[in-house]
């Protein structure tokens, strides 16, 4: 019975994005909202159906761990890379770390110093908002923070991250583009320099996928992606725990970029859109984890306020610093998402921005955050103790 039940749940998560994509193409209102925001709203409703969230936890753990490794290389195959991106990466990483440092210090001085283990919490969220939950777990051990404190941090992070995404998806992306003096709608470009409309109302990008040529290309995409995942997993095997995930994502990104230089791989026209569909599934499942009945703000209002200040202030500072360094709005946004939410969320936001060209910057900045987040968190915790 459990197998049948979980199969039905998985099918619902896999088929709903197809329905939403179709509706977004046919209904102008949903087309303006976009598939990501629509699926996020549906996921939240699913996650708050009485009695259901606890029953779908296994699916919520399994599906994202499948979708992201498949999607990352697929979405990278058609990208073009330049040496200038290395300089851009350095700018966004420096800006990101400096922004989080200032924001966490400000949050600590305003409210964090009144919280038990406030300096440790500041250190943990410093690592979390530059590298992700992986770094937060390591920092909890290294700083000997109370386990209950760490559980609360993770619980409140879901709420803070959800509000952060609502802001970005509703009007934040357009707002930053407007403030930066950039077009609010982005057109990506093919190799032949012909503009491609990536709005939600364009023609079905999956048409022809099940033709003879489409099926042949699908097999190629699956074959190349399977090889990349297998090699990435083998390279990550010597590492245990959180570091397995870090090395695995690093290798997926590296091999995805390497494959993009092979002409026959770069010309796979369906690879990005298939990866995009997988990210839609990921978005739906992740949104369903926002079970509001589990939040207990009464006993942690100061803690969630501390984290909220850190996220909001770091985003604003990152925007200011990137603007001063002439970094584009989309590169700023995607690097902020990578720092605050970790690289697995990057493809989801590039899809919402409809700009695949910033995918590599987002993934690369997140990997830098993984590598430096633990050291940064320790330094911040020690600094906050002095303050």
Protein backbone atom coordinates (compact mmCIF):
# COMPACT_ATOMS: atom_id res chain seq x y z
CA UNK A 1 0.00 0.00 0.00
CA UNK A 2 2.84 2.40 0.85
CA UNK A 3 4.45 1.82 -2.54
CA UNK A 4 1.19 2.65 -4.35
CA UNK A 5 0.66 5.72 -2.14
CA UNK A 6 4.17 7.11 -2.71
CA UNK A 7 3.94 6.35 -6.44
CA UNK A 8 0.77 8.45 -6.66
CA UNK A 9 2.44 11.31 -4.73
CA UNK A 10 5.50 11.20 -7.00
CA UNK A 11 3.29 11.21 -10.11
CA UNK A 12 1.42 14.25 -8.79
CA UNK A 13 4.71 16.12 -8.27
CA UNK A 14 5.94 15.09 -11.74
CA UNK A 15 2.73 15.87 -13.64
CA UNK A 16 1.65 19.12 -11.97
CA UNK A 17 4.49 21.15 -13.56
CA UNK A 18 3.41 19.93 -17.01
CA UNK A 19 -0.14 21.12 -16.34
CA UNK A 20 1.10 24.45 -14.97
CA UNK A 21 3.38 25.04 -17.99
CA UNK A 22 0.44 24.41 -20.31
CA UNK A 23 -1.83 26.75 -18.35
CA UNK A 24 0.87 29.46 -18.31
CA UNK A 25 1.05 29.30 -22.11
CA UNK A 26 -2.74 29.55 -22.48
CA UNK A 27 -3.71 31.97 -19.68
CA UNK A 28 -2.22 35.46 -19.80
CA UNK A 29 -2.53 36.03 -16.04
CA UNK A 30 -0.65 32.84 -15.16
CA UNK A 31 1.79 33.63 -17.96
CA UNK A 32 2.66 36.90 -16.22
CA UNK A 33 3.04 35.18 -12.84
CA UNK A 34 5.18 32.46 -14.39
CA UNK A 35 5.48 28.71 -13.71
CA UNK A 36 7.92 29.06 -10.79
CA UNK A 37 5.72 31.33 -8.69
CA UNK A 38 2.59 29.34 -9.58
CA UNK A 39 4.23 26.05 -8.58
CA UNK A 40 5.57 27.62 -5.40
CA UNK A 41 2.04 28.66 -4.42
CA UNK A 42 0.65 25.19 -5.22
CA UNK A 43 3.47 23.57 -3.24
CA UNK A 44 2.71 25.69 -0.17
CA UNK A 45 -0.95 24.65 -0.35
CA UNK A 46 0.07 20.98 -0.59
CA UNK A 47 2.48 21.35 2.32
CA UNK A 48 -0.25 22.75 4.56
CA UNK A 49 -3.02 20.24 3.87
CA UNK A 50 -3.87 18.87 7.35
CA UNK A 51 -2.18 15.53 7.96
CA UNK A 52 -0.48 15.37 4.57
CA UNK A 53 2.99 16.94 5.16
CA UNK A 54 4.20 14.21 7.53
CA UNK A 55 3.13 11.53 5.06
CA UNK A 56 5.06 12.91 2.09
CA UNK A 57 8.37 13.57 3.86
CA UNK A 58 10.19 10.66 2.13
CA UNK A 59 9.18 12.02 -1.28
CA UNK A 60 10.27 15.54 -0.25
CA UNK A 61 13.73 14.18 0.56
CA UNK A 62 14.14 11.95 -2.49
CA UNK A 63 12.85 14.03 -5.41
CA UNK A 64 14.99 17.20 -4.88
CA UNK A 65 18.11 15.03 -4.55
CA UNK A 66 17.31 13.52 -7.96
CA UNK A 67 16.11 16.63 -9.79
CA UNK A 68 19.04 18.94 -9.03
CA UNK A 69 21.93 16.64 -10.10
CA UNK A 70 20.08 15.92 -13.35
CA UNK A 71 19.16 19.55 -14.04
CA UNK A 72 22.50 21.29 -13.36
CA UNK A 73 24.55 19.75 -16.22
CA UNK A 74 21.58 19.80 -18.63
CA UNK A 75 21.10 23.54 -18.13
CA UNK A 76 24.81 24.19 -18.63
CA UNK A 77 25.25 22.43 -22.00
CA UNK A 78 24.07 25.37 -24.08
CA UNK A 79 25.92 28.11 -22.18
CA UNK A 80 28.85 30.09 -23.56
CA UNK A 81 31.64 31.03 -21.18
CA UNK A 82 34.27 33.77 -21.26
CA UNK A 83 37.37 34.70 -19.25
CA UNK A 84 35.61 37.86 -18.09
CA UNK A 85 33.36 35.67 -15.92
CA UNK A 86 36.34 34.91 -13.65
CA UNK A 87 36.65 38.63 -12.83
CA UNK A 88 32.89 38.84 -12.38
CA UNK A 89 32.97 35.88 -10.00
CA UNK A 90 35.66 37.54 -7.87
CA UNK A 91 33.54 40.70 -7.61
CA UNK A 92 30.35 38.94 -6.54
CA UNK A 93 32.15 36.68 -4.03
CA UNK A 94 33.92 39.61 -2.36
CA UNK A 95 30.70 41.62 -2.32
CA UNK A 96 28.69 38.68 -0.96
CA UNK A 97 30.99 37.91 1.96
CA UNK A 98 31.42 41.59 2.89
CA UNK A 99 27.65 42.14 2.75
CA UNK A 100 26.91 39.17 5.04
CA UNK A 101 29.63 40.26 7.48
CA UNK A 102 28.23 43.79 7.82
CA UNK A 103 24.62 42.54 7.97
CA UNK A 104 25.32 39.94 10.68
CA UNK A 105 27.28 42.44 12.79
CA UNK A 106 24.44 44.96 12.47
CA UNK A 107 21.86 42.32 13.35
CA UNK A 108 23.89 41.21 16.34
CA UNK A 109 24.28 44.76 17.68
CA UNK A 110 20.56 45.49 17.17
CA UNK A 111 19.06 42.30 18.55
CA UNK A 112 21.44 39.33 18.49
CA UNK A 113 23.40 40.24 21.62
CA UNK A 114 20.21 39.75 23.68
CA UNK A 115 19.78 36.14 22.48
CA UNK A 116 21.28 33.13 24.24
CA UNK A 117 24.30 31.96 22.23
CA UNK A 118 23.89 35.05 20.06
CA UNK A 119 27.51 35.08 18.88
CA UNK A 120 27.33 31.40 17.97
CA UNK A 121 24.08 31.96 16.09
CA UNK A 122 25.76 34.85 14.26
CA UNK A 123 28.64 32.57 13.28
CA UNK A 124 26.32 29.81 12.10
CA UNK A 125 24.15 32.08 9.96
CA UNK A 126 27.28 33.77 8.57
CA UNK A 127 28.32 30.38 7.21
CA UNK A 128 24.74 29.52 6.24
CA UNK A 129 24.22 32.72 4.23
CA UNK A 130 27.49 32.38 2.34
CA UNK A 131 27.62 28.61 1.88
CA UNK A 132 24.32 27.03 2.86
CA UNK A 133 22.97 24.51 5.35
CA UNK A 134 26.00 22.26 4.85
CA UNK A 135 28.24 24.89 6.40
CA UNK A 136 25.71 25.62 9.14
CA UNK A 137 25.76 21.97 10.25
CA UNK A 138 29.56 21.96 10.39
CA UNK A 139 29.66 25.26 12.30
CA UNK A 140 27.15 23.98 14.88
CA UNK A 141 29.63 21.21 15.71
CA UNK A 142 32.72 23.41 15.63
CA UNK A 143 31.16 26.14 17.79
CA UNK A 144 29.55 23.63 20.20
CA UNK A 145 26.18 25.36 19.79
CA UNK A 146 23.14 23.90 21.51
CA UNK A 147 21.36 21.36 19.28
CA UNK A 148 17.97 22.93 19.99
CA UNK A 149 19.34 26.29 18.84
CA UNK A 150 20.48 24.72 15.59
CA UNK A 151 17.08 23.07 15.00
CA UNK A 152 15.39 26.46 15.48
CA UNK A 153 17.82 28.08 13.04
CA UNK A 154 16.93 25.52 10.36
CA UNK A 155 13.20 25.89 11.03
CA UNK A 156 13.27 29.68 10.83
CA UNK A 157 15.52 29.57 7.77
CA UNK A 158 12.64 27.94 5.86
CA UNK A 159 10.40 30.88 6.75
CA UNK A 160 13.03 33.55 6.00
CA UNK A 161 14.00 31.89 2.72
CA UNK A 162 10.35 31.57 1.70
CA UNK A 163 9.76 35.31 2.26
CA UNK A 164 13.00 36.05 0.39
CA UNK A 165 11.80 34.04 -2.62
CA UNK A 166 8.34 35.62 -2.53
CA UNK A 167 10.01 39.04 -2.69
CA UNK A 168 12.25 38.04 -5.61
CA UNK A 169 9.63 36.21 -7.65
CA UNK A 170 6.86 38.76 -7.14
CA UNK A 171 8.65 42.03 -7.88
CA UNK A 172 12.26 41.88 -6.60
CA UNK A 173 13.84 40.78 -9.88
CA UNK A 174 12.08 43.52 -11.86
CA UNK A 175 12.84 46.07 -9.13
CA UNK A 176 16.60 45.41 -9.15
CA UNK A 177 16.72 45.41 -12.95
CA UNK A 178 14.93 48.75 -12.99
CA UNK A 179 17.23 50.22 -10.31
CA UNK A 180 20.25 49.00 -12.28
CA UNK A 181 18.85 50.55 -15.46
CA UNK A 182 18.49 47.18 -17.21
CA UNK A 183 15.55 45.72 -19.19
CA UNK A 184 12.96 44.09 -16.92
CA UNK A 185 12.47 41.30 -19.52
CA UNK A 186 15.53 39.37 -20.68
CA UNK A 187 16.05 37.68 -24.05
CA UNK A 188 18.77 35.02 -24.20
CA UNK A 189 20.72 34.51 -27.41
CA UNK A 190 21.49 31.42 -29.44
CA UNK A 191 24.85 30.69 -31.06
CA UNK A 192 23.57 32.22 -34.29
CA UNK A 193 22.85 35.46 -32.37
CA UNK A 194 19.10 35.22 -32.99
CA UNK A 195 17.07 36.36 -30.03
CA UNK A 196 15.01 33.74 -28.24
CA UNK A 197 11.94 34.83 -26.32
CA UNK A 198 12.02 33.04 -22.99
CA UNK A 199 8.79 34.40 -21.60
CA UNK A 200 6.14 32.06 -20.28
CA UNK A 201 3.86 32.75 -23.26
CA UNK A 202 6.20 31.57 -26.01
CA UNK A 203 5.52 28.49 -28.15
CA UNK A 204 5.81 25.11 -26.50
CA UNK A 205 9.59 24.47 -26.25
CA UNK A 206 8.91 20.73 -25.88
CA UNK A 207 7.09 20.39 -29.21
CA UNK A 208 8.88 17.81 -31.32
CA UNK A 209 10.51 16.15 -28.33
CA UNK A 210 8.66 12.89 -29.02
CA UNK A 211 9.37 12.89 -32.75
CA UNK A 212 11.97 10.45 -34.06
CA UNK A 213 14.71 13.12 -34.02
CA UNK A 214 13.54 14.41 -30.64
CA UNK A 215 13.70 10.95 -29.05
CA UNK A 216 17.17 10.47 -30.49
CA UNK A 217 18.33 13.75 -28.97
CA UNK A 218 16.67 12.86 -25.65
CA UNK A 219 18.71 9.66 -25.49
CA UNK A 220 21.89 11.67 -26.14
CA UNK A 221 21.01 14.10 -23.34
CA UNK A 222 20.31 11.25 -20.93
CA UNK A 223 23.53 9.46 -21.93
CA UNK A 224 25.80 12.52 -21.50
CA UNK A 225 24.12 13.49 -18.22
CA UNK A 226 24.36 9.93 -16.85
CA UNK A 227 28.11 9.88 -17.60
CA UNK A 228 28.61 13.24 -15.87
CA UNK A 229 26.66 12.15 -12.79
CA UNK A 230 28.56 8.84 -12.60
CA UNK A 231 31.97 10.54 -12.86
CA UNK A 232 30.94 13.21 -10.34
CA UNK A 233 29.76 10.56 -7.87
CA UNK A 234 33.00 8.59 -8.25
CA UNK A 235 35.06 11.73 -7.60
CA UNK A 236 32.98 12.52 -4.50
CA UNK A 237 33.09 8.98 -3.05
CA UNK A 238 36.31 9.53 -1.02
CA UNK A 239 34.51 12.31 0.87
CA UNK A 240 31.98 11.69 3.60
CA UNK A 241 29.03 13.59 5.04
CA UNK A 242 28.45 17.14 3.85
CA UNK A 243 31.65 17.26 1.82
CA UNK A 244 30.32 14.56 -0.52
CA UNK A 245 27.57 16.97 -1.62
CA UNK A 246 30.03 19.86 -2.01
CA UNK A 247 32.42 17.87 -4.23
CA UNK A 248 29.52 16.29 -6.13
CA UNK A 249 28.00 19.66 -7.08
CA UNK A 250 31.46 21.03 -7.90
CA UNK A 251 32.10 18.15 -10.29
CA UNK A 252 28.63 18.40 -11.85
CA UNK A 253 29.25 22.08 -12.58
CA UNK A 254 32.79 21.55 -13.87
CA UNK A 255 31.87 18.66 -16.16
CA UNK A 256 28.71 20.46 -17.34
CA UNK A 257 30.84 23.45 -18.34
CA UNK A 258 33.42 21.17 -20.00
CA UNK A 259 30.68 19.40 -21.99
CA UNK A 260 29.41 22.76 -23.27
CA UNK A 261 32.64 23.17 -25.26
CA UNK A 262 31.79 20.03 -27.28
CA UNK A 263 29.82 21.22 -30.30
CA UNK A 264 27.59 18.14 -30.50
CA UNK A 265 26.60 18.61 -26.83
CA UNK A 266 26.14 22.38 -27.07
CA UNK A 267 23.76 21.89 -30.01
CA UNK A 268 21.35 19.70 -28.01
CA UNK A 269 18.39 22.09 -28.24
CA UNK A 270 16.15 20.32 -25.69
CA UNK A 271 18.71 20.00 -22.88
CA UNK A 272 17.96 23.33 -21.20
CA UNK A 273 14.18 22.90 -21.36
CA UNK A 274 14.33 19.37 -19.94
CA UNK A 275 16.52 20.67 -17.12
CA UNK A 276 14.03 23.49 -16.66
CA UNK A 277 11.18 21.01 -16.23
CA UNK A 278 13.20 19.19 -13.54
CA UNK A 279 13.68 22.51 -11.74
CA UNK A 280 9.93 23.11 -11.87
CA UNK A 281 9.46 19.77 -10.10
CA UNK A 282 12.14 20.79 -7.58
CA UNK A 283 10.37 24.11 -6.95
CA UNK A 284 7.03 22.39 -6.31
CA UNK A 285 8.52 19.85 -3.91
CA UNK A 286 10.63 22.40 -2.01
CA UNK A 287 7.63 24.71 -1.56
CA UNK A 288 5.65 21.79 -0.12
CA UNK A 289 8.15 21.58 2.78
CA UNK A 290 6.89 24.93 4.13
CA UNK A 291 4.59 23.45 6.77
CA UNK A 292 3.58 26.54 8.75
CA UNK A 293 2.11 24.47 11.59
CA UNK A 294 5.67 23.62 12.67
CA UNK A 295 6.73 27.22 13.21
CA UNK A 296 6.81 28.43 16.81
CA UNK A 297 7.60 32.12 16.57
CA UNK A 298 6.53 32.82 20.16
CA UNK A 299 9.71 31.29 21.58
CA UNK A 300 12.09 32.46 18.87
CA UNK A 301 10.91 35.85 17.65
CA UNK A 302 14.26 37.50 18.37
CA UNK A 303 16.13 34.72 16.61
CA UNK A 304 14.04 34.88 13.45
CA UNK A 305 14.34 38.69 13.51
CA UNK A 306 18.14 38.37 13.72
CA UNK A 307 18.12 36.06 10.69
CA UNK A 308 15.69 38.30 8.82
CA UNK A 309 17.92 41.33 9.35
CA UNK A 310 20.93 39.33 8.13
CA UNK A 311 19.19 38.30 4.91
CA UNK A 312 17.53 41.64 4.12
CA UNK A 313 20.57 43.79 4.96
CA UNK A 314 23.00 41.49 3.12
CA UNK A 315 20.79 41.57 0.02
CA UNK A 316 20.60 45.38 0.05
CA UNK A 317 24.34 45.78 0.67
CA UNK A 318 25.17 43.21 -2.00
CA UNK A 319 23.03 45.17 -4.45
CA UNK A 320 24.81 48.43 -3.58
CA UNK A 321 28.33 46.94 -3.78
CA UNK A 322 27.63 45.11 -7.05
CA UNK A 323 26.19 48.28 -8.59
CA UNK A 324 29.32 50.18 -7.55
CA UNK A 325 31.50 47.49 -9.19
CA UNK A 326 29.36 47.53 -12.37
CA UNK A 327 28.06 44.02 -11.87
CA UNK A 328 24.76 43.38 -13.68
CA UNK A 329 21.49 43.04 -11.78
CA UNK A 330 20.96 39.38 -12.72
CA UNK A 331 24.50 38.39 -11.66
CA UNK A 332 23.91 40.17 -8.36
CA UNK A 333 20.57 38.45 -7.78
CA UNK A 334 21.74 34.96 -8.68
CA UNK A 335 24.88 35.19 -6.55
CA UNK A 336 22.77 36.42 -3.62
CA UNK A 337 20.48 33.40 -4.02
CA UNK A 338 23.48 31.09 -4.19
CA UNK A 339 24.94 32.53 -0.98
CA UNK A 340 21.70 32.71 1.00
CA UNK A 341 20.02 29.53 -0.25
CA UNK A 342 22.92 27.44 -1.69
CA UNK A 343 23.63 26.36 -5.32
CA UNK A 344 20.77 23.82 -5.71
CA UNK A 345 18.35 26.78 -5.80
CA UNK A 346 20.28 28.62 -8.52
CA UNK A 347 18.68 26.91 -11.55
CA UNK A 348 15.23 27.61 -10.10
CA UNK A 349 15.92 31.36 -9.93
CA UNK A 350 17.61 31.53 -13.35
CA UNK A 351 14.40 29.98 -14.67
CA UNK A 352 12.32 32.64 -12.88
CA UNK A 353 14.61 35.36 -14.30
CA UNK A 354 14.45 33.71 -17.75
CA UNK A 355 18.16 34.31 -18.17
CA UNK A 356 20.29 31.20 -18.46
CA UNK A 357 23.49 33.19 -19.04
CA UNK A 358 24.01 33.81 -15.29
CA UNK A 359 23.71 30.14 -14.32
CA UNK A 360 27.46 29.52 -14.12
CA UNK A 361 28.05 32.64 -12.00
CA UNK A 362 25.41 31.50 -9.53
CA UNK A 363 26.76 27.97 -9.23
CA UNK A 364 30.39 29.11 -9.02
CA UNK A 365 29.75 31.70 -6.32
CA UNK A 366 27.89 29.09 -4.28
CA UNK A 367 30.79 26.65 -4.56
CA UNK A 368 33.13 29.41 -3.35
CA UNK A 369 30.74 29.89 -0.44
CA UNK A 370 30.86 26.17 0.37
CA UNK A 371 34.66 26.27 0.40
CA UNK A 372 35.02 29.40 2.55
CA UNK A 373 31.83 29.39 4.63
CA UNK A 374 33.17 27.40 7.60
CA UNK A 375 36.25 29.59 8.02
CA UNK A 376 34.14 32.71 7.63
CA UNK A 377 31.61 31.51 10.21
CA UNK A 378 34.27 30.80 12.82
CA UNK A 379 35.86 34.22 12.31
CA UNK A 380 32.47 35.94 12.59
CA UNK A 381 31.58 34.06 15.80
CA UNK A 382 34.87 35.12 17.41
CA UNK A 383 34.41 38.71 16.26
CA UNK A 384 30.87 38.83 17.68
CA UNK A 385 32.13 37.53 21.03
CA UNK A 386 34.41 40.58 21.24
CA UNK A 387 31.57 42.96 20.38
